[in-house]
């Protein structure tokens, strides 16, 4: 193999490894912090997750059948979470984030992800309910995000639980296992 082809291949592998190691965790951290501070999760986060999944799946040589199973996991979660959204139980950003995350995790990690997200979401909800019963600390009194979070009629930034759960199980995905991590 000519040297420039070997260099190009090494460059593609480095990009794929960077996506595996950095992009998914960074997007999860961004989604969690965005949900905490603004009570919204940008559609761009979910779109980048979807696009980067397909790019990484192709770059890493994931078999088409496995890609199909990951897509199936994402679609199942999308249907369920949009049903929850239609009922007013969760926000639309949470529904899209959960589905895009399921695409990355596949059926292999889906039950772990949903179980951990549910448990963390329950704890998060209880903590926020407790926070709302206390007077807003003076240190946070001028912070818009804290005032929004403190309001009794505000929702729960469930994206925090979704992101933490995703990071919790991410190391067990084929993407990370192929790196030996």
Protein backbone atom coordinates (compact mmCIF):
# COMPACT_ATOMS: atom_id res chain seq x y z
CA UNK A 1 0.00 0.00 0.00
CA UNK A 2 1.46 3.38 -0.97
CA UNK A 3 2.40 5.64 1.93
CA UNK A 4 -0.22 8.29 1.13
CA UNK A 5 -3.01 5.66 1.14
CA UNK A 6 -1.78 4.37 4.48
CA UNK A 7 -1.77 7.94 5.82
CA UNK A 8 -5.29 8.55 4.51
CA UNK A 9 -6.50 5.34 6.11
CA UNK A 10 -4.84 6.28 9.39
CA UNK A 11 -6.57 9.67 9.20
CA UNK A 12 -9.99 8.05 8.71
CA UNK A 13 -9.35 5.73 11.65
CA UNK A 14 -8.34 8.67 13.83
CA UNK A 15 -11.52 10.56 12.92
CA UNK A 16 -13.63 7.51 13.70
CA UNK A 17 -11.86 7.06 17.03
CA UNK A 18 -12.35 10.74 17.87
CA UNK A 19 -16.07 10.41 17.14
CA UNK A 20 -16.26 7.30 19.35
CA UNK A 21 -14.34 8.85 22.22
CA UNK A 22 -15.39 12.49 22.13
CA UNK A 23 -18.49 13.32 20.13
CA UNK A 24 -21.07 11.11 21.85
CA UNK A 25 -19.97 12.06 25.39
CA UNK A 26 -19.70 15.74 24.46
CA UNK A 27 -23.20 15.77 22.97
CA UNK A 28 -24.59 14.04 26.05
CA UNK A 29 -22.93 16.60 28.32
CA UNK A 30 -24.25 19.43 26.14
CA UNK A 31 -27.79 18.01 26.15
CA UNK A 32 -27.78 17.64 29.95
CA UNK A 33 -26.43 21.12 30.60
CA UNK A 34 -28.73 22.68 28.02
CA UNK A 35 -31.75 21.00 29.57
CA UNK A 36 -30.74 22.17 33.04
CA UNK A 37 -30.08 25.76 31.98
CA UNK A 38 -32.84 26.29 29.39
CA UNK A 39 -35.26 23.37 29.81
CA UNK A 40 -34.74 22.61 26.11
CA UNK A 41 -32.61 20.21 24.10
CA UNK A 42 -31.80 21.47 20.63
CA UNK A 43 -32.90 19.38 17.65
CA UNK A 44 -29.35 19.79 16.40
CA UNK A 45 -28.07 17.53 19.18
CA UNK A 46 -30.32 14.68 18.06
CA UNK A 47 -29.56 15.29 14.38
CA UNK A 48 -25.81 15.27 15.00
CA UNK A 49 -26.18 12.06 17.01
CA UNK A 50 -28.09 10.39 14.18
CA UNK A 51 -25.71 11.57 11.45
CA UNK A 52 -22.59 10.70 13.38
CA UNK A 53 -23.94 7.25 14.23
CA UNK A 54 -24.29 6.42 10.55
CA UNK A 55 -20.88 7.88 9.70
CA UNK A 56 -19.23 5.90 12.48
CA UNK A 57 -21.13 2.72 11.65
CA UNK A 58 -19.89 2.86 8.05
CA UNK A 59 -16.33 3.85 9.03
CA UNK A 60 -16.07 1.11 11.60
CA UNK A 61 -17.40 -1.54 9.24
CA UNK A 62 -20.53 -2.34 11.23
CA UNK A 63 -22.50 -5.02 9.35
CA UNK A 64 -25.69 -3.83 7.66
CA UNK A 65 -27.79 -6.19 9.79
CA UNK A 66 -26.33 -4.62 12.96
CA UNK A 67 -27.01 -1.12 11.64
CA UNK A 68 -30.59 -2.23 11.02
CA UNK A 69 -30.91 -3.46 14.60
CA UNK A 70 -29.61 -0.13 15.91
CA UNK A 71 -32.10 1.70 13.70
CA UNK A 72 -34.82 -0.59 15.06
CA UNK A 73 -33.87 0.28 18.63
CA UNK A 74 -34.00 3.98 17.80
CA UNK A 75 -37.40 3.65 16.11
CA UNK A 76 -38.91 1.67 18.98
CA UNK A 77 -37.79 4.31 21.45
CA UNK A 78 -39.00 7.10 19.15
CA UNK A 79 -42.50 5.60 18.95
CA UNK A 80 -42.73 5.05 22.71
CA UNK A 81 -41.28 8.44 23.68
CA UNK A 82 -43.44 10.34 21.21
CA UNK A 83 -46.46 8.58 22.68
CA UNK A 84 -45.27 9.86 26.07
CA UNK A 85 -44.76 13.33 24.56
CA UNK A 86 -48.28 13.30 23.10
CA UNK A 87 -49.60 12.51 26.59
CA UNK A 88 -47.63 15.45 28.02
CA UNK A 89 -45.47 13.18 30.18
CA UNK A 90 -42.11 14.19 28.68
CA UNK A 91 -40.75 16.95 26.50
CA UNK A 92 -40.13 16.63 22.78
CA UNK A 93 -36.39 17.18 23.20
CA UNK A 94 -36.25 14.33 25.70
CA UNK A 95 -38.10 12.05 23.28
CA UNK A 96 -35.73 12.84 20.42
CA UNK A 97 -32.63 12.56 22.61
CA UNK A 98 -33.72 9.16 23.94
CA UNK A 99 -34.37 7.87 20.41
CA UNK A 100 -31.07 9.17 19.03
CA UNK A 101 -29.25 7.67 22.00
CA UNK A 102 -30.99 4.32 21.47
CA UNK A 103 -29.71 4.40 17.89
CA UNK A 104 -26.15 4.55 19.24
CA UNK A 105 -26.71 1.95 21.96
CA UNK A 106 -28.77 -0.60 20.03
CA UNK A 107 -30.89 -3.32 21.55
CA UNK A 108 -27.85 -4.77 23.37
CA UNK A 109 -27.72 -1.85 25.79
CA UNK A 110 -31.28 -0.53 25.48
CA UNK A 111 -32.71 -2.21 28.59
CA UNK A 112 -29.72 -1.12 30.71
CA UNK A 113 -30.04 2.43 29.36
CA UNK A 114 -33.77 2.70 29.97
CA UNK A 115 -33.54 1.16 33.44
CA UNK A 116 -30.73 3.47 34.53
CA UNK A 117 -32.42 6.51 32.96
CA UNK A 118 -35.67 5.67 34.76
CA UNK A 119 -33.95 5.28 38.12
CA UNK A 120 -31.86 8.42 37.69
CA UNK A 121 -34.92 10.29 36.42
CA UNK A 122 -36.86 9.31 39.51
CA UNK A 123 -34.07 10.48 41.80
CA UNK A 124 -33.70 13.70 39.78
CA UNK A 125 -37.44 14.36 40.01
CA UNK A 126 -37.46 13.83 43.78
CA UNK A 127 -34.45 16.14 44.21
CA UNK A 128 -36.03 18.86 42.10
CA UNK A 129 -39.33 18.54 43.98
CA UNK A 130 -37.40 18.95 47.23
CA UNK A 131 -35.49 21.93 45.78
CA UNK A 132 -38.80 23.57 44.86
CA UNK A 133 -40.11 23.25 48.41
CA UNK A 134 -37.13 25.15 49.81
CA UNK A 135 -36.63 28.90 49.46
CA UNK A 136 -34.40 29.71 46.51
CA UNK A 137 -30.89 30.31 47.90
CA UNK A 138 -29.73 33.92 47.63
CA UNK A 139 -26.75 32.80 45.55
CA UNK A 140 -29.16 31.57 42.85
CA UNK A 141 -31.84 34.26 43.18
CA UNK A 142 -30.56 36.22 40.17
CA UNK A 143 -29.99 33.20 37.95
CA UNK A 144 -32.77 32.75 35.37
CA UNK A 145 -32.14 29.03 35.02
CA UNK A 146 -32.44 28.52 38.79
CA UNK A 147 -35.63 30.58 39.01
CA UNK A 148 -37.10 28.56 36.11
CA UNK A 149 -36.10 25.27 37.72
CA UNK A 150 -37.51 26.41 41.07
CA UNK A 151 -40.97 27.20 39.70
CA UNK A 152 -43.58 24.67 40.83
CA UNK A 153 -45.21 24.59 37.38
CA UNK A 154 -41.94 23.88 35.54
CA UNK A 155 -41.06 20.49 34.18
CA UNK A 156 -38.10 18.32 35.08
CA UNK A 157 -34.96 18.53 32.91
CA UNK A 158 -35.06 14.78 32.25
CA UNK A 159 -32.33 15.14 29.63
CA UNK A 160 -29.90 15.09 32.55
CA UNK A 161 -30.95 11.55 33.50
CA UNK A 162 -30.99 10.45 29.86
CA UNK A 163 -27.46 11.77 29.28
CA UNK A 164 -25.98 10.29 32.45
CA UNK A 165 -27.56 6.90 31.70
CA UNK A 166 -26.20 7.01 28.15
CA UNK A 167 -22.70 7.73 29.39
CA UNK A 168 -23.06 5.00 32.01
CA UNK A 169 -23.69 2.26 29.41
CA UNK A 170 -21.71 3.69 26.50
CA UNK A 171 -18.52 1.82 27.35
CA UNK A 172 -20.38 -1.47 26.75
CA UNK A 173 -21.33 -0.61 23.17
CA UNK A 174 -19.66 -2.19 20.12
CA UNK A 175 -18.12 1.19 19.28
CA UNK A 176 -16.18 1.35 22.52
CA UNK A 177 -15.48 -2.37 22.80
CA UNK A 178 -13.77 -2.27 19.41
CA UNK A 179 -11.28 0.18 20.96
CA UNK A 180 -10.60 -2.19 23.81
CA UNK A 181 -12.07 0.23 26.33
